[in-house]
Amino acid sequence: MVLDRDLCFVEANLAYQRVTERTRDQLIGGNIFDLFPNPGEGGRRLRASLERVLTTGESDTLALIPYAIPLPVSRGGGFEMRFWSAVHTPLFNSEGEVAYVLQNTVDVTEIQRLKDMAFGPPGQAEAPLESATQLYQRAQELQETNLILVEETNQIRNLFMQAPGFMAVLIGPDLVFRLVNNAYQSLIGGRAVIGRPLAEALPELEGQHFQNILQEVMVTGQPYLGRAASVMLQRQAEGPPEERFLDFIYQPILDARGAPWGVFVEGSDVTDRVRAEQQQKLLLDELNHRVKNTLATVQAIAAQTLRTTASPAAFREAFEARLMALSSTHDLLTQSVWQGAPLKDVILMELRPHGAERYQLEGPEVALSPAETLTLGLVFHELVTNAAKYGALSTSEGCVRVRWDVRGDTGHPRLYLTWSEDGGPPVSPPVRQGFGSRLIERSLQGDIDGKASLEFAPGGLKCHLRLRLSAQRAGDEAAA
């Protein structure tokens, strides 16, 4: 039978009803000490055992307890002394508190009467009959065996509850939960499911075919194995269903005739493994894509550099510098697992070697996508290289100023950036367009839906960049 924290009956099976000669309706809702009063030692020991379970949350065993029960009026009333062996087991709610006490009781009255036959009532001096003594000894051995079995049952139950994989037992055509372990409770968000049909206990499973598979196992008696199966479970009371991935087996539970009467569910939550595999595949696909793009970029850099350099030595110097810029951008992206990089870091990667007094940066925080990072990394390399050779960074008084802003709504933000040089040699428009100029203008047009324009003003080069960002990436604070 099961008692609540007020020691009132909430359930009693047929065996308990028979031995106490009470119907279920007579028991449910009544306090155990009101229905079966006992002010003596038996009552005190029973109450103490139940309170220990409620207080400690641990099982408690009464190997032998004398307890008289009132007889029904149909048998003349009064009390009958009986002897019991009881195990009290805590049942927890979703918060981990003891909500009920399960009592598994064995009526050992007949064994105790055999003991009285063998040894007589307390104080009797006569020797017992040999046959009665032997009978009692056998009965006592049986009682000890039963206590060992109770202990082994508790150990098996603890192993079941603490198993790392989730486990559950469902019975009957309605798939009523009979047992669930701690891992299963964790999987379903700690919901109380014992005694409830699957459709009622986990309503979010409707339409996900799991109930149909379970019923098929009940009908056919054949197990079902699932691998990395996707299931939507509501793991928080007010939260939306969450996708989990499970490895599991539905194993039919057969009776003595081989007919299924329940299903044993066992499995593991492999969500982390599946998501890691998905992420790995995504990264491999992205890596393949990036490698192809990088090889195409290297090929273009080589061809264009070759056309604009007069000697092998000049080609090597320019080509290696551009490859190093590409490599540095890749390093920056690797640090963020190819999630992008801040605009300011991309600019500083090129300007920082020339000294903090040689440049000024002003603009809000902007997070670039991987494609934007790669393209702008090459653009700023070309601008800095040109400034170091011919512009503001080629003299001791020159300075580079970079200012940017983000405009537009959160759905379609656009970056506006101006690169300006001061204090360098006088500037005049070039006779022919070099590779650096073509790279700046064309890479923005082809790769990231942008536009670049170069202004060769006498006081210094100016470059105006405009591009559509892939998402809202701008902050409100300016980066000094």
Protein backbone atom coordinates (compact mmCIF):
# COMPACT_ATOMS: atom_id res chain seq x y z
CA MET A 1 0.00 0.00 0.00
CA VAL A 2 0.98 3.67 -0.39
CA LEU A 3 0.66 6.45 2.21
CA ASP A 4 0.98 10.19 1.71
CA ARG A 5 2.90 12.50 4.05
CA ASP A 6 -0.11 12.68 6.37
CA LEU A 7 0.01 8.86 6.58
CA CYS A 8 -3.29 8.55 4.72
CA PHE A 9 -3.90 5.76 2.22
CA VAL A 10 -3.66 6.66 -1.47
CA GLU A 11 -3.46 3.11 -2.81
CA ALA A 12 -3.72 -0.50 -1.61
CA ASN A 13 -3.52 -3.63 -3.72
CA LEU A 14 -5.82 -6.65 -3.51
CA ALA A 15 -3.48 -8.64 -1.27
CA TYR A 16 -3.43 -5.84 1.29
CA GLN A 17 -7.21 -5.53 1.12
CA ARG A 18 -7.62 -9.27 1.71
CA VAL A 19 -5.26 -9.52 4.66
CA THR A 20 -6.77 -6.47 6.40
CA GLU A 21 -10.33 -7.45 5.39
CA ARG A 22 -10.98 -3.93 4.11
CA THR A 23 -12.14 -2.76 0.70
CA ARG A 24 -10.20 -0.16 -1.25
CA ASP A 25 -12.96 2.40 -0.71
CA GLN A 26 -12.72 1.81 3.05
CA LEU A 27 -8.97 2.44 2.98
CA ILE A 28 -8.36 5.30 0.53
CA GLY A 29 -8.19 8.67 2.28
CA GLY A 30 -8.13 7.24 5.78
CA ASN A 31 -5.24 7.66 8.22
CA ILE A 32 -3.49 4.36 8.94
CA PHE A 33 -3.56 4.90 12.73
CA ASP A 34 -7.24 5.85 12.65
CA LEU A 35 -8.15 2.72 10.68
CA PHE A 36 -5.71 0.49 12.56
CA PRO A 37 -5.14 2.07 16.01
CA ASN A 38 -2.39 0.58 18.16
CA PRO A 39 -1.13 2.53 21.20
CA GLY A 40 1.33 -0.22 22.11
CA GLU A 41 4.82 -1.15 21.00
CA GLY A 42 3.71 -2.19 17.50
CA GLY A 43 2.08 1.16 16.84
CA ARG A 44 5.10 3.08 18.14
CA ARG A 45 7.52 1.07 16.01
CA LEU A 46 5.39 1.45 12.86
CA ARG A 47 5.03 5.23 13.29
CA ALA A 48 8.75 5.62 13.98
CA SER A 49 9.65 3.66 10.82
CA LEU A 50 7.32 5.71 8.62
CA GLU A 51 8.63 8.99 10.05
CA ARG A 52 12.23 7.89 9.46
CA VAL A 53 11.47 7.36 5.77
CA LEU A 54 9.72 10.74 5.45
CA THR A 55 12.59 12.50 7.23
CA THR A 56 15.66 10.78 5.75
CA GLY A 57 14.38 9.74 2.31
CA GLU A 58 15.85 6.27 2.88
CA SER A 59 14.17 2.87 3.00
CA ASP A 60 13.47 1.28 6.38
CA THR A 61 12.80 -2.38 7.24
CA LEU A 62 10.78 -3.86 10.12
CA ALA A 63 11.80 -7.51 10.13
CA LEU A 64 9.06 -8.46 12.63
CA ILE A 65 6.41 -6.27 14.20
CA PRO A 66 3.37 -7.42 16.27
CA TYR A 67 0.31 -5.41 15.31
CA ALA A 68 -3.29 -6.18 16.17
CA ILE A 69 -5.87 -5.20 13.56
CA PRO A 70 -9.56 -4.56 14.23
CA LEU A 71 -11.87 -7.23 12.85
CA PRO A 72 -14.92 -6.24 10.78
CA VAL A 73 -18.35 -6.36 12.39
CA SER A 74 -19.23 -9.35 10.21
CA ARG A 75 -16.67 -11.35 12.21
CA GLY A 76 -17.86 -10.12 15.58
CA GLY A 77 -15.56 -7.10 15.89
CA GLY A 78 -12.69 -6.91 18.33
CA PHE A 79 -9.00 -7.23 17.47
CA GLU A 80 -6.79 -10.00 16.14
CA MET A 81 -3.07 -10.08 16.89
CA ARG A 82 -1.01 -10.50 13.74
CA PHE A 83 2.70 -10.36 12.97
CA TRP A 84 4.18 -8.54 9.96
CA SER A 85 7.44 -8.04 8.12
CA ALA A 86 7.45 -4.69 6.32
CA VAL A 87 9.71 -2.66 4.06
CA HIS A 88 9.03 1.08 3.76
CA THR A 89 10.35 2.75 0.58
CA PRO A 90 10.25 6.51 -0.17
CA LEU A 91 8.62 7.77 -3.38
CA PHE A 92 9.86 11.19 -4.54
CA ASN A 93 8.16 14.03 -6.38
CA SER A 94 9.71 16.04 -9.23
CA GLU A 95 11.48 18.33 -6.73
CA GLY A 96 13.25 15.36 -5.14
CA GLU A 97 11.16 15.48 -1.94
CA VAL A 98 9.57 12.45 -0.31
CA ALA A 99 5.90 12.60 -1.32
CA TYR A 100 4.73 9.07 -0.46
CA VAL A 101 5.79 5.94 1.38
CA LEU A 102 5.37 2.54 -0.26
CA GLN A 103 4.87 -0.30 2.21
CA ASN A 104 5.60 -3.83 1.03
CA THR A 105 4.18 -6.07 3.76
CA VAL A 106 4.41 -9.80 4.40
CA ASP A 107 2.01 -11.37 6.89
CA VAL A 108 4.23 -13.71 8.98
CA THR A 109 1.61 -14.54 11.59
CA GLU A 110 1.68 -18.24 10.79
CA ILE A 111 5.45 -18.33 11.16
CA GLN A 112 5.18 -16.69 14.56
CA ARG A 113 2.51 -19.20 15.61
CA LEU A 114 4.83 -22.01 14.58
CA LYS A 115 7.45 -20.46 16.80
CA ASP A 116 4.97 -20.49 19.70
CA MET A 117 4.22 -24.13 18.94
CA ALA A 118 7.92 -24.96 18.95
CA PHE A 119 9.03 -22.97 22.00
CA GLY A 120 5.77 -22.12 23.70
CA PRO A 121 4.62 -18.72 24.89
CA PRO A 122 7.16 -16.58 26.70
CA GLY A 123 7.92 -18.04 30.15
CA GLN A 124 6.85 -21.62 29.33
CA ALA A 125 9.43 -24.11 30.65
CA GLU A 126 8.34 -27.29 28.88
CA ALA A 127 10.49 -28.56 26.05
CA PRO A 128 8.91 -28.19 22.63
CA LEU A 129 7.94 -31.10 20.47
CA GLU A 130 10.75 -32.11 18.07
CA SER A 131 8.55 -32.08 14.97
CA ALA A 132 7.20 -28.64 15.84
CA THR A 133 10.74 -27.38 16.41
CA GLN A 134 11.91 -28.63 13.06
CA LEU A 135 8.89 -27.08 11.39
CA TYR A 136 9.59 -23.75 13.01
CA GLN A 137 13.24 -23.87 12.05
CA ARG A 138 12.28 -24.40 8.44
CA ALA A 139 9.81 -21.53 8.68
CA GLN A 140 12.47 -19.32 10.27
CA GLU A 141 14.87 -20.17 7.44
CA LEU A 142 12.17 -19.21 4.97
CA GLN A 143 11.67 -15.87 6.73
CA GLU A 144 15.39 -15.13 6.63
CA THR A 145 15.44 -16.01 2.94
CA ASN A 146 12.54 -13.62 2.34
CA LEU A 147 14.41 -10.82 4.12
CA ILE A 148 17.46 -11.48 1.93
CA LEU A 149 15.24 -11.35 -1.15
CA VAL A 150 13.78 -8.03 0.03
CA GLU A 151 17.30 -6.62 0.41
CA GLU A 152 18.32 -7.89 -3.02
CA THR A 153 15.17 -6.40 -4.50
CA ASN A 154 16.05 -3.02 -2.99
CA GLN A 155 19.56 -3.27 -4.41
CA ILE A 156 18.22 -4.09 -7.88
CA ARG A 157 15.78 -1.18 -7.61
CA ASN A 158 18.63 1.18 -6.67
CA LEU A 159 20.67 -0.05 -9.64
CA PHE A 160 17.65 0.52 -11.90
CA MET A 161 17.10 4.03 -10.57
CA GLN A 162 20.77 5.03 -10.80
CA ALA A 163 21.54 3.49 -14.21
CA PRO A 164 23.18 6.05 -16.56
CA GLY A 165 20.84 5.16 -19.44
CA PHE A 166 17.15 6.01 -19.29
CA MET A 167 14.76 3.15 -18.48
CA ALA A 168 11.00 2.78 -18.20
CA VAL A 169 8.41 0.01 -18.00
CA LEU A 170 5.01 0.49 -19.67
CA ILE A 171 2.21 -2.03 -19.31
CA GLY A 172 -1.10 -2.83 -20.95
CA PRO A 173 -2.67 -1.69 -24.23
CA ASP A 174 -2.76 1.92 -22.99
CA LEU A 175 0.98 1.82 -22.25
CA VAL A 176 0.70 2.88 -18.62
CA PHE A 177 3.95 3.85 -16.89
CA ARG A 178 4.83 1.35 -14.17
CA LEU A 179 8.49 2.26 -13.54
CA VAL A 180 10.87 5.04 -14.62
CA ASN A 181 14.42 5.65 -13.45
CA ASN A 182 16.23 8.90 -12.67
CA ALA A 183 17.69 9.27 -16.17
CA TYR A 184 14.22 8.95 -17.73
CA GLN A 185 12.88 11.53 -15.29
CA SER A 186 15.67 13.90 -16.31
CA LEU A 187 14.89 13.32 -20.00
CA ILE A 188 11.22 14.28 -19.62
CA GLY A 189 11.78 17.20 -17.26
CA GLY A 190 10.90 15.47 -13.99
CA ARG A 191 7.21 15.03 -14.76
CA ALA A 192 5.11 12.64 -12.64
CA VAL A 193 4.19 9.82 -15.03
CA ILE A 194 3.78 6.70 -12.85
CA GLY A 195 0.30 5.25 -13.25
CA ARG A 196 -0.53 7.44 -16.27
CA PRO A 197 -0.92 6.31 -19.90
CA LEU A 198 1.79 7.44 -22.30
CA ALA A 199 -0.60 9.65 -24.31
CA GLU A 200 -1.62 11.50 -21.15
CA ALA A 201 1.78 11.66 -19.49
CA LEU A 202 3.70 12.87 -22.58
CA PRO A 203 1.10 14.51 -24.86
CA GLU A 204 3.76 16.14 -27.06
CA LEU A 205 4.58 12.70 -28.49
CA GLU A 206 1.33 12.66 -30.44
CA GLY A 207 2.07 12.46 -34.15
CA GLN A 208 5.71 11.44 -33.58
CA HIS A 209 5.04 7.70 -34.18
CA PHE A 210 6.64 6.49 -30.93
CA GLN A 211 3.30 5.37 -29.47
CA ASN A 212 2.52 3.47 -32.68
CA ILE A 213 5.87 1.69 -32.48
CA LEU A 214 5.28 0.76 -28.84
CA GLN A 215 1.84 -0.64 -29.62
CA GLU A 216 3.32 -2.63 -32.50
CA VAL A 217 5.85 -4.15 -30.10
CA MET A 218 2.95 -5.06 -27.77
CA VAL A 219 1.08 -6.75 -30.62
CA THR A 220 3.96 -8.56 -32.37
CA GLY A 221 6.22 -9.28 -29.42
CA GLN A 222 9.19 -8.17 -31.54
CA PRO A 223 11.74 -5.64 -30.20
CA TYR A 224 12.38 -2.34 -31.96
CA LEU A 225 15.76 -0.60 -32.16
CA GLY A 226 16.10 3.14 -32.76
CA ARG A 227 19.29 4.97 -33.67
CA ALA A 228 19.75 8.73 -33.19
CA ALA A 229 15.98 9.16 -33.43
CA SER A 230 14.75 12.75 -33.27
CA VAL A 231 12.07 13.40 -30.65
CA MET A 232 10.44 16.63 -29.48
CA LEU A 233 10.08 16.68 -25.69
CA GLN A 234 8.72 19.40 -23.44
CA ARG A 235 11.44 19.37 -20.77
CA GLN A 236 10.26 22.55 -19.04
CA ALA A 237 6.72 23.13 -17.87
CA GLU A 238 6.28 26.48 -19.61
CA GLY A 239 8.87 25.99 -22.34
CA PRO A 240 8.48 24.88 -25.96
CA PRO A 241 9.26 21.32 -27.07
CA GLU A 242 12.98 20.68 -27.38
CA GLU A 243 14.57 18.40 -29.95
CA ARG A 244 16.58 15.51 -28.52
CA PHE A 245 18.25 12.57 -30.25
CA LEU A 246 17.96 9.11 -28.71
CA ASP A 247 19.42 5.64 -29.14
CA PHE A 248 16.88 3.23 -27.68
CA ILE A 249 15.34 -0.23 -27.70
CA TYR A 250 11.74 -1.25 -27.05
CA GLN A 251 11.87 -4.77 -25.61
CA PRO A 252 8.58 -6.68 -25.12
CA ILE A 253 7.91 -8.11 -21.65
CA LEU A 254 6.38 -11.58 -22.04
CA ASP A 255 4.24 -13.64 -19.64
CA ALA A 256 4.58 -17.38 -19.00
CA ARG A 257 2.71 -18.14 -22.25
CA GLY A 258 4.98 -15.85 -24.29
CA ALA A 259 2.34 -13.14 -24.76
CA PRO A 260 3.45 -9.50 -24.38
CA TRP A 261 2.00 -7.65 -21.42
CA GLY A 262 4.36 -4.68 -21.34
CA VAL A 263 7.36 -2.97 -22.90
CA PHE A 264 10.75 -2.30 -21.37
CA VAL A 265 12.26 0.93 -22.69
CA GLU A 266 16.01 1.45 -22.45
CA GLY A 267 18.28 3.93 -24.16
CA SER A 268 20.67 6.87 -24.09
CA ASP A 269 20.37 10.58 -24.87
CA VAL A 270 22.89 11.08 -27.69
CA THR A 271 21.93 14.67 -28.50
CA ASP A 272 25.41 16.05 -27.81
CA ARG A 273 27.01 13.41 -30.04
CA VAL A 274 24.57 13.99 -32.92
CA ARG A 275 24.95 17.77 -32.75
CA ALA A 276 28.73 17.41 -32.64
CA GLU A 277 28.57 15.23 -35.77
CA GLN A 278 26.31 17.77 -37.48
CA GLN A 279 28.66 20.59 -36.53
CA GLN A 280 31.64 18.58 -37.77
CA LYS A 281 29.96 17.97 -41.12
CA LEU A 282 29.07 21.65 -41.38
CA LEU A 283 32.66 22.64 -40.62
CA LEU A 284 34.02 20.16 -43.17
CA ASP A 285 31.66 21.50 -45.83
CA GLU A 286 32.66 25.04 -44.91
CA LEU A 287 36.34 24.08 -44.98
CA ASN A 288 36.00 22.58 -48.45
CA HIS A 289 34.25 25.73 -49.61
CA ARG A 290 36.89 27.97 -48.04
CA VAL A 291 39.78 25.96 -49.48
CA LYS A 292 38.35 26.28 -52.98
CA ASN A 293 37.82 30.01 -52.52
CA THR A 294 41.30 30.46 -51.06
CA LEU A 295 42.94 28.61 -53.94
CA ALA A 296 41.02 30.76 -56.42
CA THR A 297 42.13 33.90 -54.53
CA VAL A 298 45.78 32.77 -54.52
CA GLN A 299 45.59 32.04 -58.25
CA ALA A 300 44.17 35.50 -58.93
CA ILE A 301 46.76 37.21 -56.71
CA ALA A 302 49.58 35.38 -58.49
CA ALA A 303 48.33 36.24 -61.96
CA GLN A 304 47.68 39.89 -61.21
CA THR A 305 50.94 40.38 -59.31
CA LEU A 306 52.88 38.82 -62.17
CA ARG A 307 51.33 41.27 -64.64
CA THR A 308 52.16 44.34 -62.54
CA THR A 309 55.76 43.61 -61.46
CA ALA A 310 58.88 44.19 -63.53
CA SER A 311 61.23 41.57 -62.05
CA PRO A 312 61.13 38.17 -60.30
CA ALA A 313 62.41 39.74 -57.09
CA ALA A 314 59.64 42.34 -57.08
CA PHE A 315 57.09 39.66 -57.86
CA ARG A 316 58.29 37.50 -54.98
CA GLU A 317 58.17 40.40 -52.50
CA ALA A 318 54.69 41.54 -53.51
CA PHE A 319 53.29 38.01 -53.83
CA GLU A 320 54.61 36.87 -50.42
CA ALA A 321 53.30 40.01 -48.73
CA ARG A 322 49.82 39.41 -50.13
CA LEU A 323 49.91 35.75 -49.13
CA MET A 324 50.94 36.75 -45.59
CA ALA A 325 47.97 39.15 -45.43
CA LEU A 326 45.68 36.33 -46.50
CA SER A 327 47.28 34.02 -43.92
CA SER A 328 46.87 36.58 -41.14
CA THR A 329 43.20 36.94 -41.96
CA HIS A 330 42.81 33.17 -41.81
CA ASP A 331 44.51 33.15 -38.38
CA LEU A 332 42.07 35.77 -37.18
CA LEU A 333 39.15 33.68 -38.39
CA THR A 334 40.56 30.48 -36.90
CA GLN A 335 40.59 32.10 -33.46
CA SER A 336 36.81 32.54 -33.71
CA VAL A 337 36.23 29.07 -35.26
CA TRP A 338 35.37 30.80 -38.54
CA GLN A 339 32.52 32.73 -36.99
CA GLY A 340 33.91 36.08 -38.21
CA ALA A 341 35.95 38.86 -36.60
CA PRO A 342 35.55 42.46 -35.34
CA LEU A 343 36.15 45.12 -38.00
CA LYS A 344 38.56 46.97 -35.72
CA ASP A 345 40.75 43.85 -35.32
CA VAL A 346 40.92 43.38 -39.10
CA ILE A 347 42.14 46.99 -39.54
CA LEU A 348 44.61 46.82 -36.64
CA MET A 349 46.09 43.61 -37.98
CA GLU A 350 47.60 45.70 -40.81
CA LEU A 351 48.16 49.07 -39.13
CA ARG A 352 49.52 48.03 -35.71
CA PRO A 353 53.11 47.24 -36.96
CA HIS A 354 53.51 50.91 -38.01
CA GLY A 355 52.95 52.26 -34.47
CA ALA A 356 49.88 53.59 -32.64
CA GLU A 357 50.87 57.23 -33.33
CA ARG A 358 50.56 56.67 -37.09
CA TYR A 359 46.83 55.95 -37.21
CA GLN A 360 43.44 56.94 -35.75
CA LEU A 361 40.34 54.72 -35.71
CA GLU A 362 36.81 55.85 -34.96
CA GLY A 363 33.55 53.93 -35.28
CA PRO A 364 31.13 51.57 -33.54
CA GLU A 365 31.78 47.89 -32.86
CA VAL A 366 31.02 45.86 -35.98
CA ALA A 367 31.25 42.07 -36.19
CA LEU A 368 32.08 40.83 -39.68
CA SER A 369 31.10 37.53 -41.23
CA PRO A 370 33.87 35.16 -42.46
CA ALA A 371 33.43 36.32 -46.07
CA GLU A 372 33.50 39.99 -45.05
CA THR A 373 36.58 39.37 -42.90
CA LEU A 374 38.53 37.72 -45.73
CA THR A 375 37.68 40.39 -48.29
CA LEU A 376 38.28 43.41 -46.07
CA GLY A 377 41.49 41.83 -44.76
CA LEU A 378 42.90 41.88 -48.31
CA VAL A 379 41.55 45.38 -48.96
CA PHE A 380 43.20 46.87 -45.87
CA HIS A 381 46.44 45.06 -46.68
CA GLU A 382 46.52 46.77 -50.07
CA LEU A 383 45.72 50.18 -48.55
CA VAL A 384 48.39 49.86 -45.86
CA THR A 385 50.98 48.55 -48.37
CA ASN A 386 50.29 51.49 -50.69
CA ALA A 387 50.47 53.96 -47.78
CA ALA A 388 53.81 52.49 -46.64
CA LYS A 389 55.32 52.67 -50.14
CA TYR A 390 53.90 55.90 -51.55
CA GLY A 391 51.54 57.50 -49.05
CA ALA A 392 51.19 58.74 -45.48
CA LEU A 393 53.09 55.86 -43.86
CA SER A 394 56.15 56.46 -46.09
CA THR A 395 57.08 59.65 -44.16
CA SER A 396 57.64 60.31 -40.46
CA GLU A 397 54.84 62.92 -40.27
CA GLY A 398 52.10 61.04 -42.09
CA CYS A 399 48.97 59.66 -40.48
CA VAL A 400 46.11 57.38 -41.53
CA ARG A 401 42.56 58.03 -40.29
CA VAL A 402 39.81 55.41 -40.59
CA ARG A 403 36.24 56.31 -39.73
CA TRP A 404 33.14 54.18 -40.17
CA ASP A 405 29.46 54.07 -39.36
CA VAL A 406 26.54 51.68 -39.73
CA ARG A 407 23.24 52.88 -41.16
CA GLY A 408 19.91 51.29 -41.95
CA ASP A 409 17.54 49.05 -40.01
CA THR A 410 18.52 45.85 -38.22
CA GLY A 411 17.46 43.72 -41.15
CA HIS A 412 19.57 45.49 -43.82
CA PRO A 413 22.45 47.36 -42.13
CA ARG A 414 25.10 48.94 -44.32
CA LEU A 415 28.67 49.80 -43.42
CA TYR A 416 30.11 53.15 -44.58
CA LEU A 417 33.89 53.48 -44.13
CA THR A 418 36.37 56.19 -45.13
CA TRP A 419 40.14 55.72 -45.28
CA SER A 420 42.06 59.02 -45.50
CA GLU A 421 45.78 59.81 -45.48
CA ASP A 422 47.46 63.06 -44.38
CA GLY A 423 51.05 64.26 -44.17
CA GLY A 424 52.44 62.12 -46.93
CA PRO A 425 53.96 63.05 -50.29
CA PRO A 426 51.73 64.87 -52.79
CA VAL A 427 49.40 62.51 -54.59
CA SER A 428 48.50 62.40 -58.25
CA PRO A 429 46.25 59.95 -60.11
CA PRO A 430 48.19 56.93 -61.42
CA VAL A 431 48.91 56.57 -65.12
CA ARG A 432 47.58 53.01 -65.09
CA GLN A 433 45.48 51.06 -62.61
CA GLY A 434 47.48 48.57 -60.54
CA PHE A 435 46.45 45.26 -59.07
CA GLY A 436 45.86 46.76 -55.62
CA SER A 437 43.31 49.22 -57.00
CA ARG A 438 41.54 46.52 -58.98
CA LEU A 439 41.46 44.20 -55.95
CA ILE A 440 39.94 46.90 -53.75
CA GLU A 441 37.21 47.78 -56.23
CA ARG A 442 36.36 44.38 -57.66
CA SER A 443 36.55 42.20 -54.55
CA LEU A 444 33.86 44.23 -52.81
CA GLN A 445 31.62 44.05 -55.85
CA GLY A 446 31.93 40.32 -56.36
CA ASP A 447 32.23 38.87 -52.86
CA ILE A 448 30.19 40.87 -50.36
CA ASP A 449 27.84 43.11 -52.33
CA GLY A 450 29.88 46.26 -51.72
CA LYS A 451 31.37 49.21 -53.51
CA ALA A 452 34.72 50.96 -53.24
CA SER A 453 36.00 54.20 -54.75
CA LEU A 454 39.48 55.71 -54.65
CA GLU A 455 40.07 59.47 -54.53
CA PHE A 456 43.63 60.59 -55.35
CA ALA A 457 43.47 64.00 -53.66
CA PRO A 458 46.69 66.08 -53.55
CA GLY A 459 46.77 65.97 -49.74
CA GLY A 460 46.53 62.21 -49.60
CA LEU A 461 44.66 59.16 -50.80
CA LYS A 462 41.06 58.67 -49.76
CA CYS A 463 39.14 55.40 -50.07
CA HIS A 464 35.38 55.16 -49.56
CA LEU A 465 33.92 51.72 -48.83
CA ARG A 466 30.26 50.79 -48.65
CA LEU A 467 28.86 47.31 -48.17
CA ARG A 468 25.75 45.55 -46.93
CA LEU A 469 26.43 43.60 -43.73
CA SER A 470 25.11 40.07 -43.45
CA ALA A 471 23.22 40.87 -40.21
CA GLN A 472 22.81 43.59 -37.60
CA ARG A 473 26.34 43.69 -36.25
CA ALA A 474 26.82 47.24 -35.03
CA GLY A 475 27.05 48.33 -31.41
CA ASP A 476 26.21 51.73 -29.98
CA GLU A 477 29.59 52.46 -28.44
CA ALA A 478 32.42 53.96 -30.48
CA ALA A 479 35.83 52.34 -30.64
CA ALA A 480 38.46 54.95 -29.95
